[in-house]
Amino acid sequence: GRHCRTRGGFFANALRLPLVSRGER
């Protein structure tokens, strides 16, 4: 349900960029 409030796209998720990890936390 948080998906619409997170940032980052396909490439950010595929590369596991720090932005994605912070968003998941």
PDBML (XML) file of the C-alpha atoms, coordinates in Angstrom:
<?xml version="1.0" encoding="UTF-8" ?>
<PDBx:datablock datablockName="MODEL"
   xmlns:PDBx="http://pdbml.pdb.org/schema/pdbx-v50.xsd"
   xmlns:xsi="http://www.w3.org/2001/XMLSchema-instance"
   xsi:schemaLocation="http://pdbml.pdb.org/schema/pdbx-v50.xsd pdbx-v50.xsd">
   <PDBx:atom_siteCategory>
      <PDBx:atom_site id="1">
         <PDBx:B_iso_or_equiv>0.00</PDBx:B_iso_or_equiv>
         <PDBx:Cartn_x>0.000</PDBx:Cartn_x>
         <PDBx:Cartn_y>0.000</PDBx:Cartn_y>
         <PDBx:Cartn_z>0.000</PDBx:Cartn_z>
         <PDBx:auth_asym_id>A</PDBx:auth_asym_id>
         <PDBx:auth_atom_id>CA</PDBx:auth_atom_id>
         <PDBx:auth_comp_id>GLY</PDBx:auth_comp_id>
         <PDBx:auth_seq_id>1</PDBx:auth_seq_id>
         <PDBx:group_PDB>ATOM</PDBx:group_PDB>
         <PDBx:label_alt_id xsi:nil="true" />
         <PDBx:label_asym_id>A</PDBx:label_asym_id>
         <PDBx:label_atom_id>CA</PDBx:label_atom_id>
         <PDBx:label_comp_id>GLY</PDBx:label_comp_id>
         <PDBx:label_entity_id>1</PDBx:label_entity_id>
         <PDBx:label_seq_id>1</PDBx:label_seq_id>
         <PDBx:occupancy>1.00</PDBx:occupancy>
         <PDBx:pdbx_PDB_model_num>1</PDBx:pdbx_PDB_model_num>
         <PDBx:type_symbol>C</PDBx:type_symbol>
      </PDBx:atom_site>
      <PDBx:atom_site id="2">
         <PDBx:B_iso_or_equiv>0.00</PDBx:B_iso_or_equiv>
         <PDBx:Cartn_x>3.002</PDBx:Cartn_x>
         <PDBx:Cartn_y>2.322</PDBx:Cartn_y>
         <PDBx:Cartn_z>0.299</PDBx:Cartn_z>
         <PDBx:auth_asym_id>A</PDBx:auth_asym_id>
         <PDBx:auth_atom_id>CA</PDBx:auth_atom_id>
         <PDBx:auth_comp_id>ARG</PDBx:auth_comp_id>
         <PDBx:auth_seq_id>2</PDBx:auth_seq_id>
         <PDBx:group_PDB>ATOM</PDBx:group_PDB>
         <PDBx:label_alt_id xsi:nil="true" />
         <PDBx:label_asym_id>A</PDBx:label_asym_id>
         <PDBx:label_atom_id>CA</PDBx:label_atom_id>
         <PDBx:label_comp_id>ARG</PDBx:label_comp_id>
         <PDBx:label_entity_id>1</PDBx:label_entity_id>
         <PDBx:label_seq_id>2</PDBx:label_seq_id>
         <PDBx:occupancy>1.00</PDBx:occupancy>
         <PDBx:pdbx_PDB_model_num>1</PDBx:pdbx_PDB_model_num>
         <PDBx:type_symbol>C</PDBx:type_symbol>
      </PDBx:atom_site>
      <PDBx:atom_site id="3">
         <PDBx:B_iso_or_equiv>0.00</PDBx:B_iso_or_equiv>
         <PDBx:Cartn_x>3.891</PDBx:Cartn_x>
         <PDBx:Cartn_y>1.921</PDBx:Cartn_y>
         <PDBx:Cartn_z>-3.372</PDBx:Cartn_z>
         <PDBx:auth_asym_id>A</PDBx:auth_asym_id>
         <PDBx:auth_atom_id>CA</PDBx:auth_atom_id>
         <PDBx:auth_comp_id>HIS</PDBx:auth_comp_id>
         <PDBx:auth_seq_id>3</PDBx:auth_seq_id>
         <PDBx:group_PDB>ATOM</PDBx:group_PDB>
         <PDBx:label_alt_id xsi:nil="true" />
         <PDBx:label_asym_id>A</PDBx:label_asym_id>
         <PDBx:label_atom_id>CA</PDBx:label_atom_id>
         <PDBx:label_comp_id>HIS</PDBx:label_comp_id>
         <PDBx:label_entity_id>1</PDBx:label_entity_id>
         <PDBx:label_seq_id>3</PDBx:label_seq_id>
         <PDBx:occupancy>1.00</PDBx:occupancy>
         <PDBx:pdbx_PDB_model_num>1</PDBx:pdbx_PDB_model_num>
         <PDBx:type_symbol>C</PDBx:type_symbol>
      </PDBx:atom_site>
      <PDBx:atom_site id="4">
         <PDBx:B_iso_or_equiv>0.00</PDBx:B_iso_or_equiv>
         <PDBx:Cartn_x>2.287</PDBx:Cartn_x>
         <PDBx:Cartn_y>5.210</PDBx:Cartn_y>
         <PDBx:Cartn_z>-4.428</PDBx:Cartn_z>
         <PDBx:auth_asym_id>A</PDBx:auth_asym_id>
         <PDBx:auth_atom_id>CA</PDBx:auth_atom_id>
         <PDBx:auth_comp_id>CYS</PDBx:auth_comp_id>
         <PDBx:auth_seq_id>4</PDBx:auth_seq_id>
         <PDBx:group_PDB>ATOM</PDBx:group_PDB>
         <PDBx:label_alt_id xsi:nil="true" />
         <PDBx:label_asym_id>A</PDBx:label_asym_id>
         <PDBx:label_atom_id>CA</PDBx:label_atom_id>
         <PDBx:label_comp_id>CYS</PDBx:label_comp_id>
         <PDBx:label_entity_id>1</PDBx:label_entity_id>
         <PDBx:label_seq_id>4</PDBx:label_seq_id>
         <PDBx:occupancy>1.00</PDBx:occupancy>
         <PDBx:pdbx_PDB_model_num>1</PDBx:pdbx_PDB_model_num>
         <PDBx:type_symbol>C</PDBx:type_symbol>
      </PDBx:atom_site>
      <PDBx:atom_site id="5">
         <PDBx:B_iso_or_equiv>0.00</PDBx:B_iso_or_equiv>
         <PDBx:Cartn_x>4.376</PDBx:Cartn_x>
         <PDBx:Cartn_y>7.063</PDBx:Cartn_y>
         <PDBx:Cartn_z>-1.805</PDBx:Cartn_z>
         <PDBx:auth_asym_id>A</PDBx:auth_asym_id>
         <PDBx:auth_atom_id>CA</PDBx:auth_atom_id>
         <PDBx:auth_comp_id>ARG</PDBx:auth_comp_id>
         <PDBx:auth_seq_id>5</PDBx:auth_seq_id>
         <PDBx:group_PDB>ATOM</PDBx:group_PDB>
         <PDBx:label_alt_id xsi:nil="true" />
         <PDBx:label_asym_id>A</PDBx:label_asym_id>
         <PDBx:label_atom_id>CA</PDBx:label_atom_id>
         <PDBx:label_comp_id>ARG</PDBx:label_comp_id>
         <PDBx:label_entity_id>1</PDBx:label_entity_id>
         <PDBx:label_seq_id>5</PDBx:label_seq_id>
         <PDBx:occupancy>1.00</PDBx:occupancy>
         <PDBx:pdbx_PDB_model_num>1</PDBx:pdbx_PDB_model_num>
         <PDBx:type_symbol>C</PDBx:type_symbol>
      </PDBx:atom_site>
      <PDBx:atom_site id="6">
         <PDBx:B_iso_or_equiv>0.00</PDBx:B_iso_or_equiv>
         <PDBx:Cartn_x>7.765</PDBx:Cartn_x>
         <PDBx:Cartn_y>5.598</PDBx:Cartn_y>
         <PDBx:Cartn_z>-2.717</PDBx:Cartn_z>
         <PDBx:auth_asym_id>A</PDBx:auth_asym_id>
         <PDBx:auth_atom_id>CA</PDBx:auth_atom_id>
         <PDBx:auth_comp_id>THR</PDBx:auth_comp_id>
         <PDBx:auth_seq_id>6</PDBx:auth_seq_id>
         <PDBx:group_PDB>ATOM</PDBx:group_PDB>
         <PDBx:label_alt_id xsi:nil="true" />
         <PDBx:label_asym_id>A</PDBx:label_asym_id>
         <PDBx:label_atom_id>CA</PDBx:label_atom_id>
         <PDBx:label_comp_id>THR</PDBx:label_comp_id>
         <PDBx:label_entity_id>1</PDBx:label_entity_id>
         <PDBx:label_seq_id>6</PDBx:label_seq_id>
         <PDBx:occupancy>1.00</PDBx:occupancy>
         <PDBx:pdbx_PDB_model_num>1</PDBx:pdbx_PDB_model_num>
         <PDBx:type_symbol>C</PDBx:type_symbol>
      </PDBx:atom_site>
      <PDBx:atom_site id="7">
         <PDBx:B_iso_or_equiv>0.00</PDBx:B_iso_or_equiv>
         <PDBx:Cartn_x>10.325</PDBx:Cartn_x>
         <PDBx:Cartn_y>6.953</PDBx:Cartn_y>
         <PDBx:Cartn_z>-5.166</PDBx:Cartn_z>
         <PDBx:auth_asym_id>A</PDBx:auth_asym_id>
         <PDBx:auth_atom_id>CA</PDBx:auth_atom_id>
         <PDBx:auth_comp_id>ARG</PDBx:auth_comp_id>
         <PDBx:auth_seq_id>7</PDBx:auth_seq_id>
         <PDBx:group_PDB>ATOM</PDBx:group_PDB>
         <PDBx:label_alt_id xsi:nil="true" />
         <PDBx:label_asym_id>A</PDBx:label_asym_id>
         <PDBx:label_atom_id>CA</PDBx:label_atom_id>
         <PDBx:label_comp_id>ARG</PDBx:label_comp_id>
         <PDBx:label_entity_id>1</PDBx:label_entity_id>
         <PDBx:label_seq_id>7</PDBx:label_seq_id>
         <PDBx:occupancy>1.00</PDBx:occupancy>
         <PDBx:pdbx_PDB_model_num>1</PDBx:pdbx_PDB_model_num>
         <PDBx:type_symbol>C</PDBx:type_symbol>
      </PDBx:atom_site>
      <PDBx:atom_site id="8">
         <PDBx:B_iso_or_equiv>0.00</PDBx:B_iso_or_equiv>
         <PDBx:Cartn_x>12.533</PDBx:Cartn_x>
         <PDBx:Cartn_y>5.171</PDBx:Cartn_y>
         <PDBx:Cartn_z>-7.660</PDBx:Cartn_z>
         <PDBx:auth_asym_id>A</PDBx:auth_asym_id>
         <PDBx:auth_atom_id>CA</PDBx:auth_atom_id>
         <PDBx:auth_comp_id>GLY</PDBx:auth_comp_id>
         <PDBx:auth_seq_id>8</PDBx:auth_seq_id>
         <PDBx:group_PDB>ATOM</PDBx:group_PDB>
         <PDBx:label_alt_id xsi:nil="true" />
         <PDBx:label_asym_id>A</PDBx:label_asym_id>
         <PDBx:label_atom_id>CA</PDBx:label_atom_id>
         <PDBx:label_comp_id>GLY</PDBx:label_comp_id>
         <PDBx:label_entity_id>1</PDBx:label_entity_id>
         <PDBx:label_seq_id>8</PDBx:label_seq_id>
         <PDBx:occupancy>1.00</PDBx:occupancy>
         <PDBx:pdbx_PDB_model_num>1</PDBx:pdbx_PDB_model_num>
         <PDBx:type_symbol>C</PDBx:type_symbol>
      </PDBx:atom_site>
      <PDBx:atom_site id="9">
         <PDBx:B_iso_or_equiv>0.00</PDBx:B_iso_or_equiv>
         <PDBx:Cartn_x>11.795</PDBx:Cartn_x>
         <PDBx:Cartn_y>3.405</PDBx:Cartn_y>
         <PDBx:Cartn_z>-10.909</PDBx:Cartn_z>
         <PDBx:auth_asym_id>A</PDBx:auth_asym_id>
         <PDBx:auth_atom_id>CA</PDBx:auth_atom_id>
         <PDBx:auth_comp_id>GLY</PDBx:auth_comp_id>
         <PDBx:auth_seq_id>9</PDBx:auth_seq_id>
         <PDBx:group_PDB>ATOM</PDBx:group_PDB>
         <PDBx:label_alt_id xsi:nil="true" />
         <PDBx:label_asym_id>A</PDBx:label_asym_id>
         <PDBx:label_atom_id>CA</PDBx:label_atom_id>
         <PDBx:label_comp_id>GLY</PDBx:label_comp_id>
         <PDBx:label_entity_id>1</PDBx:label_entity_id>
         <PDBx:label_seq_id>9</PDBx:label_seq_id>
         <PDBx:occupancy>1.00</PDBx:occupancy>
         <PDBx:pdbx_PDB_model_num>1</PDBx:pdbx_PDB_model_num>
         <PDBx:type_symbol>C</PDBx:type_symbol>
      </PDBx:atom_site>
      <PDBx:atom_site id="10">
         <PDBx:B_iso_or_equiv>0.00</PDBx:B_iso_or_equiv>
         <PDBx:Cartn_x>12.685</PDBx:Cartn_x>
         <PDBx:Cartn_y>0.194</PDBx:Cartn_y>
         <PDBx:Cartn_z>-12.673</PDBx:Cartn_z>
         <PDBx:auth_asym_id>A</PDBx:auth_asym_id>
         <PDBx:auth_atom_id>CA</PDBx:auth_atom_id>
         <PDBx:auth_comp_id>PHE</PDBx:auth_comp_id>
         <PDBx:auth_seq_id>10</PDBx:auth_seq_id>
         <PDBx:group_PDB>ATOM</PDBx:group_PDB>
         <PDBx:label_alt_id xsi:nil="true" />
         <PDBx:label_asym_id>A</PDBx:label_asym_id>
         <PDBx:label_atom_id>CA</PDBx:label_atom_id>
         <PDBx:label_comp_id>PHE</PDBx:label_comp_id>
         <PDBx:label_entity_id>1</PDBx:label_entity_id>
         <PDBx:label_seq_id>10</PDBx:label_seq_id>
         <PDBx:occupancy>1.00</PDBx:occupancy>
         <PDBx:pdbx_PDB_model_num>1</PDBx:pdbx_PDB_model_num>
         <PDBx:type_symbol>C</PDBx:type_symbol>
      </PDBx:atom_site>
      <PDBx:atom_site id="11">
         <PDBx:B_iso_or_equiv>0.00</PDBx:B_iso_or_equiv>
         <PDBx:Cartn_x>16.429</PDBx:Cartn_x>
         <PDBx:Cartn_y>0.867</PDBx:Cartn_y>
         <PDBx:Cartn_z>-12.955</PDBx:Cartn_z>
         <PDBx:auth_asym_id>A</PDBx:auth_asym_id>
         <PDBx:auth_atom_id>CA</PDBx:auth_atom_id>
         <PDBx:auth_comp_id>PHE</PDBx:auth_comp_id>
         <PDBx:auth_seq_id>11</PDBx:auth_seq_id>
         <PDBx:group_PDB>ATOM</PDBx:group_PDB>
         <PDBx:label_alt_id xsi:nil="true" />
         <PDBx:label_asym_id>A</PDBx:label_asym_id>
         <PDBx:label_atom_id>CA</PDBx:label_atom_id>
         <PDBx:label_comp_id>PHE</PDBx:label_comp_id>
         <PDBx:label_entity_id>1</PDBx:label_entity_id>
         <PDBx:label_seq_id>11</PDBx:label_seq_id>
         <PDBx:occupancy>1.00</PDBx:occupancy>
         <PDBx:pdbx_PDB_model_num>1</PDBx:pdbx_PDB_model_num>
         <PDBx:type_symbol>C</PDBx:type_symbol>
      </PDBx:atom_site>
      <PDBx:atom_site id="12">
         <PDBx:B_iso_or_equiv>0.00</PDBx:B_iso_or_equiv>
         <PDBx:Cartn_x>16.761</PDBx:Cartn_x>
         <PDBx:Cartn_y>2.107</PDBx:Cartn_y>
         <PDBx:Cartn_z>-9.377</PDBx:Cartn_z>
         <PDBx:auth_asym_id>A</PDBx:auth_asym_id>
         <PDBx:auth_atom_id>CA</PDBx:auth_atom_id>
         <PDBx:auth_comp_id>ALA</PDBx:auth_comp_id>
         <PDBx:auth_seq_id>12</PDBx:auth_seq_id>
         <PDBx:group_PDB>ATOM</PDBx:group_PDB>
         <PDBx:label_alt_id xsi:nil="true" />
         <PDBx:label_asym_id>A</PDBx:label_asym_id>
         <PDBx:label_atom_id>CA</PDBx:label_atom_id>
         <PDBx:label_comp_id>ALA</PDBx:label_comp_id>
         <PDBx:label_entity_id>1</PDBx:label_entity_id>
         <PDBx:label_seq_id>12</PDBx:label_seq_id>
         <PDBx:occupancy>1.00</PDBx:occupancy>
         <PDBx:pdbx_PDB_model_num>1</PDBx:pdbx_PDB_model_num>
         <PDBx:type_symbol>C</PDBx:type_symbol>
      </PDBx:atom_site>
      <PDBx:atom_site id="13">
         <PDBx:B_iso_or_equiv>0.00</PDBx:B_iso_or_equiv>
         <PDBx:Cartn_x>15.115</PDBx:Cartn_x>
         <PDBx:Cartn_y>-1.080</PDBx:Cartn_y>
         <PDBx:Cartn_z>-8.121</PDBx:Cartn_z>
         <PDBx:auth_asym_id>A</PDBx:auth_asym_id>
         <PDBx:auth_atom_id>CA</PDBx:auth_atom_id>
         <PDBx:auth_comp_id>ASN</PDBx:auth_comp_id>
         <PDBx:auth_seq_id>13</PDBx:auth_seq_id>
         <PDBx:group_PDB>ATOM</PDBx:group_PDB>
         <PDBx:label_alt_id xsi:nil="true" />
         <PDBx:label_asym_id>A</PDBx:label_asym_id>
         <PDBx:label_atom_id>CA</PDBx:label_atom_id>
         <PDBx:label_comp_id>ASN</PDBx:label_comp_id>
         <PDBx:label_entity_id>1</PDBx:label_entity_id>
         <PDBx:label_seq_id>13</PDBx:label_seq_id>
         <PDBx:occupancy>1.00</PDBx:occupancy>
         <PDBx:pdbx_PDB_model_num>1</PDBx:pdbx_PDB_model_num>
         <PDBx:type_symbol>C</PDBx:type_symbol>
      </PDBx:atom_site>
      <PDBx:atom_site id="14">
         <PDBx:B_iso_or_equiv>0.00</PDBx:B_iso_or_equiv>
         <PDBx:Cartn_x>17.095</PDBx:Cartn_x>
         <PDBx:Cartn_y>-3.334</PDBx:Cartn_y>
         <PDBx:Cartn_z>-10.462</PDBx:Cartn_z>
         <PDBx:auth_asym_id>A</PDBx:auth_asym_id>
         <PDBx:auth_atom_id>CA</PDBx:auth_atom_id>
         <PDBx:auth_comp_id>ALA</PDBx:auth_comp_id>
         <PDBx:auth_seq_id>14</PDBx:auth_seq_id>
         <PDBx:group_PDB>ATOM</PDBx:group_PDB>
         <PDBx:label_alt_id xsi:nil="true" />
         <PDBx:label_asym_id>A</PDBx:label_asym_id>
         <PDBx:label_atom_id>CA</PDBx:label_atom_id>
         <PDBx:label_comp_id>ALA</PDBx:label_comp_id>
         <PDBx:label_entity_id>1</PDBx:label_entity_id>
         <PDBx:label_seq_id>14</PDBx:label_seq_id>
         <PDBx:occupancy>1.00</PDBx:occupancy>
         <PDBx:pdbx_PDB_model_num>1</PDBx:pdbx_PDB_model_num>
         <PDBx:type_symbol>C</PDBx:type_symbol>
      </PDBx:atom_site>
      <PDBx:atom_site id="15">
         <PDBx:B_iso_or_equiv>0.00</PDBx:B_iso_or_equiv>
         <PDBx:Cartn_x>20.397</PDBx:Cartn_x>
         <PDBx:Cartn_y>-1.798</PDBx:Cartn_y>
         <PDBx:Cartn_z>-9.342</PDBx:Cartn_z>
         <PDBx:auth_asym_id>A</PDBx:auth_asym_id>
         <PDBx:auth_atom_id>CA</PDBx:auth_atom_id>
         <PDBx:auth_comp_id>LEU</PDBx:auth_comp_id>
         <PDBx:auth_seq_id>15</PDBx:auth_seq_id>
         <PDBx:group_PDB>ATOM</PDBx:group_PDB>
         <PDBx:label_alt_id xsi:nil="true" />
         <PDBx:label_asym_id>A</PDBx:label_asym_id>
         <PDBx:label_atom_id>CA</PDBx:label_atom_id>
         <PDBx:label_comp_id>LEU</PDBx:label_comp_id>
         <PDBx:label_entity_id>1</PDBx:label_entity_id>
         <PDBx:label_seq_id>15</PDBx:label_seq_id>
         <PDBx:occupancy>1.00</PDBx:occupancy>
         <PDBx:pdbx_PDB_model_num>1</PDBx:pdbx_PDB_model_num>
         <PDBx:type_symbol>C</PDBx:type_symbol>
      </PDBx:atom_site>
      <PDBx:atom_site id="16">
         <PDBx:B_iso_or_equiv>0.00</PDBx:B_iso_or_equiv>
         <PDBx:Cartn_x>19.361</PDBx:Cartn_x>
         <PDBx:Cartn_y>-1.682</PDBx:Cartn_y>
         <PDBx:Cartn_z>-5.670</PDBx:Cartn_z>
         <PDBx:auth_asym_id>A</PDBx:auth_asym_id>
         <PDBx:auth_atom_id>CA</PDBx:auth_atom_id>
         <PDBx:auth_comp_id>ARG</PDBx:auth_comp_id>
         <PDBx:auth_seq_id>16</PDBx:auth_seq_id>
         <PDBx:group_PDB>ATOM</PDBx:group_PDB>
         <PDBx:label_alt_id xsi:nil="true" />
         <PDBx:label_asym_id>A</PDBx:label_asym_id>
         <PDBx:label_atom_id>CA</PDBx:label_atom_id>
         <PDBx:label_comp_id>ARG</PDBx:label_comp_id>
         <PDBx:label_entity_id>1</PDBx:label_entity_id>
         <PDBx:label_seq_id>16</PDBx:label_seq_id>
         <PDBx:occupancy>1.00</PDBx:occupancy>
         <PDBx:pdbx_PDB_model_num>1</PDBx:pdbx_PDB_model_num>
         <PDBx:type_symbol>C</PDBx:type_symbol>
      </PDBx:atom_site>
      <PDBx:atom_site id="17">
         <PDBx:B_iso_or_equiv>0.00</PDBx:B_iso_or_equiv>
         <PDBx:Cartn_x>20.374</PDBx:Cartn_x>
         <PDBx:Cartn_y>1.961</PDBx:Cartn_y>
         <PDBx:Cartn_z>-5.384</PDBx:Cartn_z>
         <PDBx:auth_asym_id>A</PDBx:auth_asym_id>
         <PDBx:auth_atom_id>CA</PDBx:auth_atom_id>
         <PDBx:auth_comp_id>LEU</PDBx:auth_comp_id>
         <PDBx:auth_seq_id>17</PDBx:auth_seq_id>
         <PDBx:group_PDB>ATOM</PDBx:group_PDB>
         <PDBx:label_alt_id xsi:nil="true" />
         <PDBx:label_asym_id>A</PDBx:label_asym_id>
         <PDBx:label_atom_id>CA</PDBx:label_atom_id>
         <PDBx:label_comp_id>LEU</PDBx:label_comp_id>
         <PDBx:label_entity_id>1</PDBx:label_entity_id>
         <PDBx:label_seq_id>17</PDBx:label_seq_id>
         <PDBx:occupancy>1.00</PDBx:occupancy>
         <PDBx:pdbx_PDB_model_num>1</PDBx:pdbx_PDB_model_num>
         <PDBx:type_symbol>C</PDBx:type_symbol>
      </PDBx:atom_site>
      <PDBx:atom_site id="18">
         <PDBx:B_iso_or_equiv>0.00</PDBx:B_iso_or_equiv>
         <PDBx:Cartn_x>20.495</PDBx:Cartn_x>
         <PDBx:Cartn_y>3.520</PDBx:Cartn_y>
         <PDBx:Cartn_z>-1.879</PDBx:Cartn_z>
         <PDBx:auth_asym_id>A</PDBx:auth_asym_id>
         <PDBx:auth_atom_id>CA</PDBx:auth_atom_id>
         <PDBx:auth_comp_id>PRO</PDBx:auth_comp_id>
         <PDBx:auth_seq_id>18</PDBx:auth_seq_id>
         <PDBx:group_PDB>ATOM</PDBx:group_PDB>
         <PDBx:label_alt_id xsi:nil="true" />
         <PDBx:label_asym_id>A</PDBx:label_asym_id>
         <PDBx:label_atom_id>CA</PDBx:label_atom_id>
         <PDBx:label_comp_id>PRO</PDBx:label_comp_id>
         <PDBx:label_entity_id>1</PDBx:label_entity_id>
         <PDBx:label_seq_id>18</PDBx:label_seq_id>
         <PDBx:occupancy>1.00</PDBx:occupancy>
         <PDBx:pdbx_PDB_model_num>1</PDBx:pdbx_PDB_model_num>
         <PDBx:type_symbol>C</PDBx:type_symbol>
      </PDBx:atom_site>
      <PDBx:atom_site id="19">
         <PDBx:B_iso_or_equiv>0.00</PDBx:B_iso_or_equiv>
         <PDBx:Cartn_x>17.304</PDBx:Cartn_x>
         <PDBx:Cartn_y>5.409</PDBx:Cartn_y>
         <PDBx:Cartn_z>-2.652</PDBx:Cartn_z>
         <PDBx:auth_asym_id>A</PDBx:auth_asym_id>
         <PDBx:auth_atom_id>CA</PDBx:auth_atom_id>
         <PDBx:auth_comp_id>LEU</PDBx:auth_comp_id>
         <PDBx:auth_seq_id>19</PDBx:auth_seq_id>
         <PDBx:group_PDB>ATOM</PDBx:group_PDB>
         <PDBx:label_alt_id xsi:nil="true" />
         <PDBx:label_asym_id>A</PDBx:label_asym_id>
         <PDBx:label_atom_id>CA</PDBx:label_atom_id>
         <PDBx:label_comp_id>LEU</PDBx:label_comp_id>
         <PDBx:label_entity_id>1</PDBx:label_entity_id>
         <PDBx:label_seq_id>19</PDBx:label_seq_id>
         <PDBx:occupancy>1.00</PDBx:occupancy>
         <PDBx:pdbx_PDB_model_num>1</PDBx:pdbx_PDB_model_num>
         <PDBx:type_symbol>C</PDBx:type_symbol>
      </PDBx:atom_site>
      <PDBx:atom_site id="20">
         <PDBx:B_iso_or_equiv>0.00</PDBx:B_iso_or_equiv>
         <PDBx:Cartn_x>15.443</PDBx:Cartn_x>
         <PDBx:Cartn_y>2.102</PDBx:Cartn_y>
         <PDBx:Cartn_z>-2.928</PDBx:Cartn_z>
         <PDBx:auth_asym_id>A</PDBx:auth_asym_id>
         <PDBx:auth_atom_id>CA</PDBx:auth_atom_id>
         <PDBx:auth_comp_id>VAL</PDBx:auth_comp_id>
         <PDBx:auth_seq_id>20</PDBx:auth_seq_id>
         <PDBx:group_PDB>ATOM</PDBx:group_PDB>
         <PDBx:label_alt_id xsi:nil="true" />
         <PDBx:label_asym_id>A</PDBx:label_asym_id>
         <PDBx:label_atom_id>CA</PDBx:label_atom_id>
         <PDBx:label_comp_id>VAL</PDBx:label_comp_id>
         <PDBx:label_entity_id>1</PDBx:label_entity_id>
         <PDBx:label_seq_id>20</PDBx:label_seq_id>
         <PDBx:occupancy>1.00</PDBx:occupancy>
         <PDBx:pdbx_PDB_model_num>1</PDBx:pdbx_PDB_model_num>
         <PDBx:type_symbol>C</PDBx:type_symbol>
      </PDBx:atom_site>
      <PDBx:atom_site id="21">
         <PDBx:B_iso_or_equiv>0.00</PDBx:B_iso_or_equiv>
         <PDBx:Cartn_x>16.816</PDBx:Cartn_x>
         <PDBx:Cartn_y>0.717</PDBx:Cartn_y>
         <PDBx:Cartn_z>0.337</PDBx:Cartn_z>
         <PDBx:auth_asym_id>A</PDBx:auth_asym_id>
         <PDBx:auth_atom_id>CA</PDBx:auth_atom_id>
         <PDBx:auth_comp_id>SER</PDBx:auth_comp_id>
         <PDBx:auth_seq_id>21</PDBx:auth_seq_id>
         <PDBx:group_PDB>ATOM</PDBx:group_PDB>
         <PDBx:label_alt_id xsi:nil="true" />
         <PDBx:label_asym_id>A</PDBx:label_asym_id>
         <PDBx:label_atom_id>CA</PDBx:label_atom_id>
         <PDBx:label_comp_id>SER</PDBx:label_comp_id>
         <PDBx:label_entity_id>1</PDBx:label_entity_id>
         <PDBx:label_seq_id>21</PDBx:label_seq_id>
         <PDBx:occupancy>1.00</PDBx:occupancy>
         <PDBx:pdbx_PDB_model_num>1</PDBx:pdbx_PDB_model_num>
         <PDBx:type_symbol>C</PDBx:type_symbol>
      </PDBx:atom_site>
      <PDBx:atom_site id="22">
         <PDBx:B_iso_or_equiv>0.00</PDBx:B_iso_or_equiv>
         <PDBx:Cartn_x>15.900</PDBx:Cartn_x>
         <PDBx:Cartn_y>3.884</PDBx:Cartn_y>
         <PDBx:Cartn_z>2.218</PDBx:Cartn_z>
         <PDBx:auth_asym_id>A</PDBx:auth_asym_id>
         <PDBx:auth_atom_id>CA</PDBx:auth_atom_id>
         <PDBx:auth_comp_id>ARG</PDBx:auth_comp_id>
         <PDBx:auth_seq_id>22</PDBx:auth_seq_id>
         <PDBx:group_PDB>ATOM</PDBx:group_PDB>
         <PDBx:label_alt_id xsi:nil="true" />
         <PDBx:label_asym_id>A</PDBx:label_asym_id>
         <PDBx:label_atom_id>CA</PDBx:label_atom_id>
         <PDBx:label_comp_id>ARG</PDBx:label_comp_id>
         <PDBx:label_entity_id>1</PDBx:label_entity_id>
         <PDBx:label_seq_id>22</PDBx:label_seq_id>
         <PDBx:occupancy>1.00</PDBx:occupancy>
         <PDBx:pdbx_PDB_model_num>1</PDBx:pdbx_PDB_model_num>
         <PDBx:type_symbol>C</PDBx:type_symbol>
      </PDBx:atom_site>
      <PDBx:atom_site id="23">
         <PDBx:B_iso_or_equiv>0.00</PDBx:B_iso_or_equiv>
         <PDBx:Cartn_x>12.421</PDBx:Cartn_x>
         <PDBx:Cartn_y>3.775</PDBx:Cartn_y>
         <PDBx:Cartn_z>0.729</PDBx:Cartn_z>
         <PDBx:auth_asym_id>A</PDBx:auth_asym_id>
         <PDBx:auth_atom_id>CA</PDBx:auth_atom_id>
         <PDBx:auth_comp_id>GLY</PDBx:auth_comp_id>
         <PDBx:auth_seq_id>23</PDBx:auth_seq_id>
         <PDBx:group_PDB>ATOM</PDBx:group_PDB>
         <PDBx:label_alt_id xsi:nil="true" />
         <PDBx:label_asym_id>A</PDBx:label_asym_id>
         <PDBx:label_atom_id>CA</PDBx:label_atom_id>
         <PDBx:label_comp_id>GLY</PDBx:label_comp_id>
         <PDBx:label_entity_id>1</PDBx:label_entity_id>
         <PDBx:label_seq_id>23</PDBx:label_seq_id>
         <PDBx:occupancy>1.00</PDBx:occupancy>
         <PDBx:pdbx_PDB_model_num>1</PDBx:pdbx_PDB_model_num>
         <PDBx:type_symbol>C</PDBx:type_symbol>
      </PDBx:atom_site>
      <PDBx:atom_site id="24">
         <PDBx:B_iso_or_equiv>0.00</PDBx:B_iso_or_equiv>
         <PDBx:Cartn_x>11.920</PDBx:Cartn_x>
         <PDBx:Cartn_y>0.160</PDBx:Cartn_y>
         <PDBx:Cartn_z>1.775</PDBx:Cartn_z>
         <PDBx:auth_asym_id>A</PDBx:auth_asym_id>
         <PDBx:auth_atom_id>CA</PDBx:auth_atom_id>
         <PDBx:auth_comp_id>GLU</PDBx:auth_comp_id>
         <PDBx:auth_seq_id>24</PDBx:auth_seq_id>
         <PDBx:group_PDB>ATOM</PDBx:group_PDB>
         <PDBx:label_alt_id xsi:nil="true" />
         <PDBx:label_asym_id>A</PDBx:label_asym_id>
         <PDBx:label_atom_id>CA</PDBx:label_atom_id>
         <PDBx:label_comp_id>GLU</PDBx:label_comp_id>
         <PDBx:label_entity_id>1</PDBx:label_entity_id>
         <PDBx:label_seq_id>24</PDBx:label_seq_id>
         <PDBx:occupancy>1.00</PDBx:occupancy>
         <PDBx:pdbx_PDB_model_num>1</PDBx:pdbx_PDB_model_num>
         <PDBx:type_symbol>C</PDBx:type_symbol>
      </PDBx:atom_site>
      <PDBx:atom_site id="25">
         <PDBx:B_iso_or_equiv>0.00</PDBx:B_iso_or_equiv>
         <PDBx:Cartn_x>13.020</PDBx:Cartn_x>
         <PDBx:Cartn_y>0.902</PDBx:Cartn_y>
         <PDBx:Cartn_z>5.335</PDBx:Cartn_z>
         <PDBx:auth_asym_id>A</PDBx:auth_asym_id>
         <PDBx:auth_atom_id>CA</PDBx:auth_atom_id>
         <PDBx:auth_comp_id>ARG</PDBx:auth_comp_id>
         <PDBx:auth_seq_id>25</PDBx:auth_seq_id>
         <PDBx:group_PDB>ATOM</PDBx:group_PDB>
         <PDBx:label_alt_id xsi:nil="true" />
         <PDBx:label_asym_id>A</PDBx:label_asym_id>
         <PDBx:label_atom_id>CA</PDBx:label_atom_id>
         <PDBx:label_comp_id>ARG</PDBx:label_comp_id>
         <PDBx:label_entity_id>1</PDBx:label_entity_id>
         <PDBx:label_seq_id>25</PDBx:label_seq_id>
         <PDBx:occupancy>1.00</PDBx:occupancy>
         <PDBx:pdbx_PDB_model_num>1</PDBx:pdbx_PDB_model_num>
         <PDBx:type_symbol>C</PDBx:type_symbol>
      </PDBx:atom_site>
   </PDBx:atom_siteCategory>
</PDBx:datablock>
